[in-house]
Full PDB file with SEQRES, HELIX, SHEET, SSBOND, CRYST1, ORIGX, SCALE, CONECT and MASTER records, all heavy atoms in Angstrom:
SEQRES   1 A   36  PRO ALA ARG THR TRP MET GLY GLY ARG VAL VAL ALA GLY          
SEQRES   2 A   36  GLY ALA TRP SER LEU PHE GLY CYS THR MET ALA PRO GLY          
SEQRES   3 A   36  PHE THR TYR GLY ASP TYR GLU HIS GLY ASP                      
HELIX    1 AA1 TYR A   29  ASP A   31  5                                   3    
CRYST1    1.000    1.000    1.000  90.00  90.00  90.00 P 1           1          
ORIGX1      1.000000  0.000000  0.000000        0.00000                         
ORIGX2      0.000000  1.000000  0.000000        0.00000                         
ORIGX3      0.000000  0.000000  1.000000        0.00000                         
SCALE1      1.000000  0.000000  0.000000        0.00000                         
SCALE2      0.000000  1.000000  0.000000        0.00000                         
SCALE3      0.000000  0.000000  1.000000        0.00000                         
ATOM      1  N   PRO A   1      45.467  32.339 -21.572  1.00  0.00           N  
ATOM      2  CA  PRO A   1      44.389  33.076 -22.216  1.00  0.00           C  
ATOM      3  C   PRO A   1      43.935  34.265 -21.375  1.00  0.00           C  
ATOM      4  O   PRO A   1      44.003  34.258 -20.141  1.00  0.00           O  
ATOM      5  CB  PRO A   1      43.284  32.057 -22.340  1.00  0.00           C  
ATOM      6  CG  PRO A   1      43.912  30.733 -22.176  1.00  0.00           C  
ATOM      7  CD  PRO A   1      45.104  30.941 -21.317  1.00  0.00           C  
ATOM      8  N   ALA A   2      43.452  35.269 -22.068  1.00  0.00           N  
ATOM      9  CA  ALA A   2      42.871  36.480 -21.452  1.00  0.00           C  
ATOM     10  C   ALA A   2      41.869  36.089 -20.366  1.00  0.00           C  
ATOM     11  O   ALA A   2      41.150  35.102 -20.537  1.00  0.00           O  
ATOM     12  CB  ALA A   2      42.236  37.389 -22.500  1.00  0.00           C  
ATOM     13  N   ARG A   3      41.844  36.845 -19.256  1.00  0.00           N  
ATOM     14  CA  ARG A   3      40.895  36.718 -18.184  1.00  0.00           C  
ATOM     15  C   ARG A   3      41.049  35.427 -17.364  1.00  0.00           C  
ATOM     16  O   ARG A   3      40.203  35.060 -16.569  1.00  0.00           O  
ATOM     17  CB  ARG A   3      39.409  36.854 -18.658  1.00  0.00           C  
ATOM     18  CG  ARG A   3      39.141  38.085 -19.528  1.00  0.00           C  
ATOM     19  CD  ARG A   3      39.324  39.409 -18.839  1.00  0.00           C  
ATOM     20  NE  ARG A   3      38.449  39.523 -17.647  1.00  0.00           N  
ATOM     21  CZ  ARG A   3      38.693  40.351 -16.626  1.00  0.00           C  
ATOM     22  NH1 ARG A   3      39.797  41.107 -16.599  1.00  0.00           N  
ATOM     23  NH2 ARG A   3      37.915  40.434 -15.634  1.00  0.00           N  
ATOM     24  N   THR A   4      42.165  34.732 -17.555  1.00  0.00           N  
ATOM     25  CA  THR A   4      42.479  33.555 -16.754  1.00  0.00           C  
ATOM     26  C   THR A   4      43.304  33.962 -15.553  1.00  0.00           C  
ATOM     27  O   THR A   4      44.321  34.696 -15.684  1.00  0.00           O  
ATOM     28  CB  THR A   4      43.302  32.528 -17.617  1.00  0.00           C  
ATOM     29  OG1 THR A   4      42.499  32.125 -18.738  1.00  0.00           O  
ATOM     30  CG2 THR A   4      43.722  31.290 -16.797  1.00  0.00           C  
ATOM     31  N   TRP A   5      42.922  33.513 -14.364  1.00  0.00           N  
ATOM     32  CA  TRP A   5      43.710  33.765 -13.142  1.00  0.00           C  
ATOM     33  C   TRP A   5      44.970  32.894 -13.278  1.00  0.00           C  
ATOM     34  O   TRP A   5      44.885  31.704 -13.607  1.00  0.00           O  
ATOM     35  CB  TRP A   5      42.911  33.372 -11.899  1.00  0.00           C  
ATOM     36  CG  TRP A   5      41.777  34.295 -11.611  1.00  0.00           C  
ATOM     37  CD1 TRP A   5      40.447  34.059 -11.934  1.00  0.00           C  
ATOM     38  CD2 TRP A   5      41.846  35.614 -11.095  1.00  0.00           C  
ATOM     39  NE1 TRP A   5      39.692  35.161 -11.524  1.00  0.00           N  
ATOM     40  CE2 TRP A   5      40.542  36.136 -11.044  1.00  0.00           C  
ATOM     41  CE3 TRP A   5      42.882  36.397 -10.623  1.00  0.00           C  
ATOM     42  CZ2 TRP A   5      40.215  37.383 -10.530  1.00  0.00           C  
ATOM     43  CZ3 TRP A   5      42.579  37.658 -10.114  1.00  0.00           C  
ATOM     44  CH2 TRP A   5      41.254  38.141 -10.072  1.00  0.00           C  
ATOM     45  N   MET A   6      46.124  33.475 -12.953  1.00  0.00           N  
ATOM     46  CA  MET A   6      47.413  32.794 -13.060  1.00  0.00           C  
ATOM     47  C   MET A   6      48.260  33.136 -11.884  1.00  0.00           C  
ATOM     48  O   MET A   6      48.258  34.265 -11.432  1.00  0.00           O  
ATOM     49  CB  MET A   6      48.097  33.136 -14.383  1.00  0.00           C  
ATOM     50  CG  MET A   6      48.497  34.612 -14.503  1.00  0.00           C  
ATOM     51  SD  MET A   6      49.199  35.039 -16.116  1.00  0.00           S  
ATOM     52  CE  MET A   6      47.910  36.188 -16.689  1.00  0.00           C  
ATOM     53  N   GLY A   7      48.948  32.141 -11.407  1.00  0.00           N  
ATOM     54  CA  GLY A   7      49.952  32.321 -10.343  1.00  0.00           C  
ATOM     55  C   GLY A   7      50.936  31.206 -10.412  1.00  0.00           C  
ATOM     56  O   GLY A   7      50.606  30.140 -10.854  1.00  0.00           O  
ATOM     57  N   GLY A   8      52.174  31.458 -10.024  1.00  0.00           N  
ATOM     58  CA  GLY A   8      53.155  30.491 -10.197  1.00  0.00           C  
ATOM     59  C   GLY A   8      54.321  30.504  -9.175  1.00  0.00           C  
ATOM     60  O   GLY A   8      54.502  31.530  -8.484  1.00  0.00           O  
ATOM     61  N   ARG A   9      55.008  29.365  -9.115  1.00  0.00           N  
ATOM     62  CA  ARG A   9      56.159  29.288  -8.271  1.00  0.00           C  
ATOM     63  C   ARG A   9      57.120  28.245  -8.817  1.00  0.00           C  
ATOM     64  O   ARG A   9      56.712  27.370  -9.604  1.00  0.00           O  
ATOM     65  CB  ARG A   9      55.784  29.021  -6.811  1.00  0.00           C  
ATOM     66  CG  ARG A   9      55.149  27.657  -6.518  1.00  0.00           C  
ATOM     67  CD  ARG A   9      54.959  27.380  -5.051  1.00  0.00           C  
ATOM     68  NE  ARG A   9      55.224  28.419  -4.179  1.00  0.00           N  
ATOM     69  CZ  ARG A   9      54.344  29.056  -3.386  1.00  0.00           C  
ATOM     70  NH1 ARG A   9      53.068  28.705  -3.340  1.00  0.00           N  
ATOM     71  NH2 ARG A   9      54.711  30.040  -2.576  1.00  0.00           N  
ATOM     72  N   VAL A  10      58.357  28.284  -8.334  1.00  0.00           N  
ATOM     73  CA  VAL A  10      59.331  27.283  -8.723  1.00  0.00           C  
ATOM     74  C   VAL A  10      58.844  25.950  -8.144  1.00  0.00           C  
ATOM     75  O   VAL A  10      58.327  25.864  -7.026  1.00  0.00           O  
ATOM     76  CB  VAL A  10      60.732  27.631  -8.132  1.00  0.00           C  
ATOM     77  CG1 VAL A  10      61.746  26.538  -8.382  1.00  0.00           C  
ATOM     78  CG2 VAL A  10      61.213  28.996  -8.656  1.00  0.00           C  
ATOM     79  N   VAL A  11      58.985  24.845  -8.993  1.00  0.00           N  
ATOM     80  CA  VAL A  11      58.541  23.525  -8.492  1.00  0.00           C  
ATOM     81  C   VAL A  11      59.294  23.130  -7.244  1.00  0.00           C  
ATOM     82  O   VAL A  11      60.431  23.536  -6.983  1.00  0.00           O  
ATOM     83  CB  VAL A  11      58.757  22.466  -9.594  1.00  0.00           C  
ATOM     84  CG1 VAL A  11      57.894  22.729 -10.841  1.00  0.00           C  
ATOM     85  CG2 VAL A  11      60.219  22.285  -9.975  1.00  0.00           C  
ATOM     86  N   ALA A  12      58.630  22.262  -6.426  1.00  0.00           N  
ATOM     87  CA  ALA A  12      59.198  21.713  -5.222  1.00  0.00           C  
ATOM     88  C   ALA A  12      60.562  21.108  -5.534  1.00  0.00           C  
ATOM     89  O   ALA A  12      60.691  20.353  -6.477  1.00  0.00           O  
ATOM     90  CB  ALA A  12      58.264  20.717  -4.594  1.00  0.00           C  
ATOM     91  N   GLY A  13      61.549  21.433  -4.715  1.00  0.00           N  
ATOM     92  CA  GLY A  13      62.903  20.889  -4.907  1.00  0.00           C  
ATOM     93  C   GLY A  13      63.789  21.769  -5.777  1.00  0.00           C  
ATOM     94  O   GLY A  13      65.003  21.560  -5.872  1.00  0.00           O  
ATOM     95  N   GLY A  14      63.207  22.720  -6.483  1.00  0.00           N  
ATOM     96  CA  GLY A  14      63.954  23.609  -7.353  1.00  0.00           C  
ATOM     97  C   GLY A  14      64.488  24.796  -6.577  1.00  0.00           C  
ATOM     98  O   GLY A  14      64.165  25.010  -5.411  1.00  0.00           O  
ATOM     99  N   ALA A  15      65.391  25.571  -7.193  1.00  0.00           N  
ATOM    100  CA  ALA A  15      66.013  26.686  -6.546  1.00  0.00           C  
ATOM    101  C   ALA A  15      65.560  28.038  -7.137  1.00  0.00           C  
ATOM    102  O   ALA A  15      65.281  28.980  -6.411  1.00  0.00           O  
ATOM    103  CB  ALA A  15      67.544  26.612  -6.646  1.00  0.00           C  
ATOM    104  N   TRP A  16      65.529  28.094  -8.499  1.00  0.00           N  
ATOM    105  CA  TRP A  16      65.113  29.352  -9.130  1.00  0.00           C  
ATOM    106  C   TRP A  16      64.722  29.053 -10.584  1.00  0.00           C  
ATOM    107  O   TRP A  16      65.098  28.060 -11.148  1.00  0.00           O  
ATOM    108  CB  TRP A  16      66.228  30.430  -9.081  1.00  0.00           C  
ATOM    109  CG  TRP A  16      67.524  30.010  -9.667  1.00  0.00           C  
ATOM    110  CD1 TRP A  16      68.603  29.470  -8.979  1.00  0.00           C  
ATOM    111  CD2 TRP A  16      67.938  30.058 -11.042  1.00  0.00           C  
ATOM    112  NE1 TRP A  16      69.625  29.179  -9.844  1.00  0.00           N  
ATOM    113  CE2 TRP A  16      69.242  29.525 -11.082  1.00  0.00           C  
ATOM    114  CE3 TRP A  16      67.321  30.494 -12.205  1.00  0.00           C  
ATOM    115  CZ2 TRP A  16      69.958  29.460 -12.301  1.00  0.00           C  
ATOM    116  CZ3 TRP A  16      68.029  30.425 -13.416  1.00  0.00           C  
ATOM    117  CH2 TRP A  16      69.297  29.918 -13.431  1.00  0.00           C  
ATOM    118  N   SER A  17      63.980  30.043 -11.162  1.00  0.00           N  
ATOM    119  CA  SER A  17      63.560  29.938 -12.535  1.00  0.00           C  
ATOM    120  C   SER A  17      63.679  31.320 -13.172  1.00  0.00           C  
ATOM    121  O   SER A  17      63.156  32.287 -12.658  1.00  0.00           O  
ATOM    122  CB  SER A  17      62.134  29.433 -12.627  1.00  0.00           C  
ATOM    123  OG  SER A  17      61.704  29.277 -13.911  1.00  0.00           O  
ATOM    124  N   LEU A  18      64.275  31.367 -14.327  1.00  0.00           N  
ATOM    125  CA  LEU A  18      64.341  32.613 -15.122  1.00  0.00           C  
ATOM    126  C   LEU A  18      63.416  32.458 -16.307  1.00  0.00           C  
ATOM    127  O   LEU A  18      63.525  31.452 -17.042  1.00  0.00           O  
ATOM    128  CB  LEU A  18      65.796  32.874 -15.610  1.00  0.00           C  
ATOM    129  CG  LEU A  18      65.973  34.140 -16.438  1.00  0.00           C  
ATOM    130  CD1 LEU A  18      65.900  35.386 -15.540  1.00  0.00           C  
ATOM    131  CD2 LEU A  18      67.326  34.089 -17.151  1.00  0.00           C  
ATOM    132  N   PHE A  19      62.523  33.387 -16.486  1.00  0.00           N  
ATOM    133  CA  PHE A  19      61.497  33.258 -17.566  1.00  0.00           C  
ATOM    134  C   PHE A  19      61.176  34.666 -18.063  1.00  0.00           C  
ATOM    135  O   PHE A  19      61.660  35.684 -17.571  1.00  0.00           O  
ATOM    136  CB  PHE A  19      60.227  32.578 -16.951  1.00  0.00           C  
ATOM    137  CG  PHE A  19      59.601  33.326 -15.836  1.00  0.00           C  
ATOM    138  CD1 PHE A  19      58.547  34.165 -16.036  1.00  0.00           C  
ATOM    139  CD2 PHE A  19      60.079  33.171 -14.537  1.00  0.00           C  
ATOM    140  CE1 PHE A  19      57.893  34.850 -14.962  1.00  0.00           C  
ATOM    141  CE2 PHE A  19      59.491  33.832 -13.466  1.00  0.00           C  
ATOM    142  CZ  PHE A  19      58.437  34.672 -13.676  1.00  0.00           C  
ATOM    143  N   GLY A  20      60.345  34.718 -19.034  1.00  0.00           N  
ATOM    144  CA  GLY A  20      59.922  35.971 -19.614  1.00  0.00           C  
ATOM    145  C   GLY A  20      58.442  35.962 -19.917  1.00  0.00           C  
ATOM    146  O   GLY A  20      57.830  34.885 -19.958  1.00  0.00           O  
ATOM    147  N   CYS A  21      57.803  37.091 -20.073  1.00  0.00           N  
ATOM    148  CA  CYS A  21      56.424  37.290 -20.435  1.00  0.00           C  
ATOM    149  C   CYS A  21      56.326  38.350 -21.513  1.00  0.00           C  
ATOM    150  O   CYS A  21      56.998  39.374 -21.443  1.00  0.00           O  
ATOM    151  CB  CYS A  21      55.583  37.671 -19.208  1.00  0.00           C  
ATOM    152  SG  CYS A  21      55.470  36.442 -17.972  1.00  0.00           S  
ATOM    153  N   THR A  22      55.488  38.041 -22.494  1.00  0.00           N  
ATOM    154  CA  THR A  22      55.253  38.963 -23.607  1.00  0.00           C  
ATOM    155  C   THR A  22      53.769  39.223 -23.771  1.00  0.00           C  
ATOM    156  O   THR A  22      52.965  38.243 -23.607  1.00  0.00           O  
ATOM    157  CB  THR A  22      55.805  38.371 -24.876  1.00  0.00           C  
ATOM    158  OG1 THR A  22      57.141  37.997 -24.701  1.00  0.00           O  
ATOM    159  CG2 THR A  22      55.689  39.341 -26.058  1.00  0.00           C  
ATOM    160  N   MET A  23      53.380  40.447 -24.034  1.00  0.00           N  
ATOM    161  CA  MET A  23      51.935  40.777 -24.253  1.00  0.00           C  
ATOM    162  C   MET A  23      51.803  41.700 -25.394  1.00  0.00           C  
ATOM    163  O   MET A  23      52.645  42.562 -25.615  1.00  0.00           O  
ATOM    164  CB  MET A  23      51.356  41.439 -22.999  1.00  0.00           C  
ATOM    165  CG  MET A  23      51.153  40.550 -21.837  1.00  0.00           C  
ATOM    166  SD  MET A  23      50.430  41.399 -20.436  1.00  0.00           S  
ATOM    167  CE  MET A  23      48.822  41.853 -21.076  1.00  0.00           C  
ATOM    168  N   ALA A  24      50.691  41.554 -26.163  1.00  0.00           N  
ATOM    169  CA  ALA A  24      50.350  42.524 -27.228  1.00  0.00           C  
ATOM    170  C   ALA A  24      48.821  42.627 -27.234  1.00  0.00           C  
ATOM    171  O   ALA A  24      48.171  41.628 -27.354  1.00  0.00           O  
ATOM    172  CB  ALA A  24      50.842  42.000 -28.577  1.00  0.00           C  
ATOM    173  N   PRO A  25      48.236  43.796 -27.034  1.00  0.00           N  
ATOM    174  CA  PRO A  25      48.913  45.044 -26.715  1.00  0.00           C  
ATOM    175  C   PRO A  25      49.690  44.911 -25.368  1.00  0.00           C  
ATOM    176  O   PRO A  25      49.426  43.955 -24.623  1.00  0.00           O  
ATOM    177  CB  PRO A  25      47.810  46.095 -26.632  1.00  0.00           C  
ATOM    178  CG  PRO A  25      46.523  45.353 -26.629  1.00  0.00           C  
ATOM    179  CD  PRO A  25      46.824  43.978 -27.080  1.00  0.00           C  
ATOM    180  N   GLY A  26      50.542  45.862 -25.141  1.00  0.00           N  
ATOM    181  CA  GLY A  26      51.473  45.782 -23.997  1.00  0.00           C  
ATOM    182  C   GLY A  26      50.800  45.933 -22.664  1.00  0.00           C  
ATOM    183  O   GLY A  26      49.729  46.450 -22.501  1.00  0.00           O  
ATOM    184  N   PHE A  27      51.539  45.453 -21.630  1.00  0.00           N  
ATOM    185  CA  PHE A  27      51.103  45.513 -20.250  1.00  0.00           C  
ATOM    186  C   PHE A  27      51.119  46.943 -19.750  1.00  0.00           C  
ATOM    187  O   PHE A  27      52.037  47.717 -20.006  1.00  0.00           O  
ATOM    188  CB  PHE A  27      52.014  44.666 -19.380  1.00  0.00           C  
ATOM    189  CG  PHE A  27      51.747  44.720 -17.919  1.00  0.00           C  
ATOM    190  CD1 PHE A  27      50.704  43.974 -17.396  1.00  0.00           C  
ATOM    191  CD2 PHE A  27      52.393  45.611 -17.089  1.00  0.00           C  
ATOM    192  CE1 PHE A  27      50.403  44.035 -16.016  1.00  0.00           C  
ATOM    193  CE2 PHE A  27      52.091  45.719 -15.774  1.00  0.00           C  
ATOM    194  CZ  PHE A  27      51.112  44.909 -15.198  1.00  0.00           C  
ATOM    195  N   THR A  28      50.087  47.271 -18.970  1.00  0.00           N  
ATOM    196  CA  THR A  28      50.106  48.483 -18.146  1.00  0.00           C  
ATOM    197  C   THR A  28      49.549  48.059 -16.752  1.00  0.00           C  
ATOM    198  O   THR A  28      48.812  47.109 -16.638  1.00  0.00           O  
ATOM    199  CB  THR A  28      49.191  49.636 -18.727  1.00  0.00           C  
ATOM    200  OG1 THR A  28      47.859  49.145 -18.712  1.00  0.00           O  
ATOM    201  CG2 THR A  28      49.625  50.023 -20.111  1.00  0.00           C  
ATOM    202  N   TYR A  29      49.988  48.756 -15.741  1.00  0.00           N  
ATOM    203  CA  TYR A  29      49.571  48.418 -14.384  1.00  0.00           C  
ATOM    204  C   TYR A  29      48.058  48.518 -14.235  1.00  0.00           C  
ATOM    205  O   TYR A  29      47.436  47.867 -13.384  1.00  0.00           O  
ATOM    206  CB  TYR A  29      50.317  49.229 -13.312  1.00  0.00           C  
ATOM    207  CG  TYR A  29      51.748  48.769 -13.214  1.00  0.00           C  
ATOM    208  CD1 TYR A  29      52.796  49.427 -13.766  1.00  0.00           C  
ATOM    209  CD2 TYR A  29      52.032  47.579 -12.522  1.00  0.00           C  
ATOM    210  CE1 TYR A  29      54.108  48.992 -13.664  1.00  0.00           C  
ATOM    211  CE2 TYR A  29      53.294  47.085 -12.429  1.00  0.00           C  
ATOM    212  CZ  TYR A  29      54.360  47.804 -12.992  1.00  0.00           C  
ATOM    213  OH  TYR A  29      55.677  47.380 -12.894  1.00  0.00           O  
ATOM    214  N   GLY A  30      47.399  49.350 -15.032  1.00  0.00           N  
ATOM    215  CA  GLY A  30      45.923  49.453 -14.941  1.00  0.00           C  
ATOM    216  C   GLY A  30      45.208  48.233 -15.379  1.00  0.00           C  
ATOM    217  O   GLY A  30      44.043  48.006 -15.064  1.00  0.00           O  
ATOM    218  N   ASP A  31      45.887  47.358 -16.121  1.00  0.00           N  
ATOM    219  CA  ASP A  31      45.283  46.079 -16.556  1.00  0.00           C  
ATOM    220  C   ASP A  31      45.385  44.983 -15.513  1.00  0.00           C  
ATOM    221  O   ASP A  31      44.681  43.978 -15.622  1.00  0.00           O  
ATOM    222  CB  ASP A  31      45.993  45.584 -17.835  1.00  0.00           C  
ATOM    223  CG  ASP A  31      45.719  46.430 -19.076  1.00  0.00           C  
ATOM    224  OD1 ASP A  31      44.670  47.035 -19.085  1.00  0.00           O  
ATOM    225  OD2 ASP A  31      46.569  46.395 -19.997  1.00  0.00           O  
ATOM    226  N   TYR A  32      46.254  45.136 -14.538  1.00  0.00           N  
ATOM    227  CA  TYR A  32      46.527  44.085 -13.542  1.00  0.00           C  
ATOM    228  C   TYR A  32      45.381  43.993 -12.579  1.00  0.00           C  
ATOM    229  O   TYR A  32      45.004  44.966 -11.954  1.00  0.00           O  
ATOM    230  CB  TYR A  32      47.831  44.428 -12.813  1.00  0.00           C  
ATOM    231  CG  TYR A  32      48.206  43.440 -11.723  1.00  0.00           C  
ATOM    232  CD1 TYR A  32      48.991  42.333 -11.987  1.00  0.00           C  
ATOM    233  CD2 TYR A  32      47.836  43.699 -10.402  1.00  0.00           C  
ATOM    234  CE1 TYR A  32      49.338  41.456 -10.997  1.00  0.00           C  
ATOM    235  CE2 TYR A  32      48.188  42.797  -9.396  1.00  0.00           C  
ATOM    236  CZ  TYR A  32      48.910  41.703  -9.680  1.00  0.00           C  
ATOM    237  OH  TYR A  32      49.280  40.858  -8.661  1.00  0.00           O  
ATOM    238  N   GLU A  33      44.840  42.759 -12.396  1.00  0.00           N  
ATOM    239  CA  GLU A  33      43.790  42.553 -11.405  1.00  0.00           C  
ATOM    240  C   GLU A  33      44.313  41.517 -10.411  1.00  0.00           C  
ATOM    241  O   GLU A  33      44.629  40.362 -10.776  1.00  0.00           O  
ATOM    242  CB  GLU A  33      42.519  42.000 -12.061  1.00  0.00           C  
ATOM    243  CG  GLU A  33      41.348  41.868 -11.081  1.00  0.00           C  
ATOM    244  CD  GLU A  33      40.101  41.407 -11.740  1.00  0.00           C  
ATOM    245  OE1 GLU A  33      40.020  41.304 -13.000  1.00  0.00           O  
ATOM    246  OE2 GLU A  33      39.126  41.116 -11.016  1.00  0.00           O  
ATOM    247  N   HIS A  34      44.486  41.909  -9.182  1.00  0.00           N  
ATOM    248  CA  HIS A  34      45.065  41.109  -8.092  1.00  0.00           C  
ATOM    249  C   HIS A  34      44.011  40.130  -7.557  1.00  0.00           C  
ATOM    250  O   HIS A  34      42.864  40.501  -7.316  1.00  0.00           O  
ATOM    251  CB  HIS A  34      45.593  42.021  -7.013  1.00  0.00           C  
ATOM    252  CG  HIS A  34      46.530  41.433  -6.061  1.00  0.00           C  
ATOM    253  ND1 HIS A  34      47.830  41.041  -6.375  1.00  0.00           N  
ATOM    254  CD2 HIS A  34      46.365  41.040  -4.744  1.00  0.00           C  
ATOM    255  CE1 HIS A  34      48.421  40.482  -5.314  1.00  0.00           C  
ATOM    256  NE2 HIS A  34      47.566  40.491  -4.315  1.00  0.00           N  
ATOM    257  N   GLY A  35      44.395  38.899  -7.385  1.00  0.00           N  
ATOM    258  CA  GLY A  35      43.481  37.848  -6.848  1.00  0.00           C  
ATOM    259  C   GLY A  35      43.232  37.980  -5.359  1.00  0.00           C  
ATOM    260  O   GLY A  35      44.070  38.330  -4.590  1.00  0.00           O  
ATOM    261  N   ASP A  36      41.973  37.686  -4.995  1.00  0.00           N  
ATOM    262  CA  ASP A  36      41.550  37.682  -3.622  1.00  0.00           C  
ATOM    263  C   ASP A  36      41.303  36.244  -3.161  1.00  0.00           C  
ATOM    264  O   ASP A  36      40.493  35.519  -3.840  1.00  0.00           O  
ATOM    265  CB  ASP A  36      40.285  38.503  -3.464  1.00  0.00           C  
ATOM    266  CG  ASP A  36      39.745  38.473  -2.043  1.00  0.00           C  
ATOM    267  OD1 ASP A  36      40.290  39.189  -1.201  1.00  0.00           O  
ATOM    268  OD2 ASP A  36      38.767  37.687  -1.811  1.00  0.00           O  
TER     269      ASP A  36                                                      
MASTER        0    0    0    1    0    0    0    6  268    1    0    3          
END                                                                             
């Protein structure tokens, strides 16, 4: 959901994960808020 802090990583014991992300309206770098 909008305004939810999100962060992720491959689960313990895994090697890699291929995934995708979709947004509407579309992503722009001005929308990105980096966590502190």
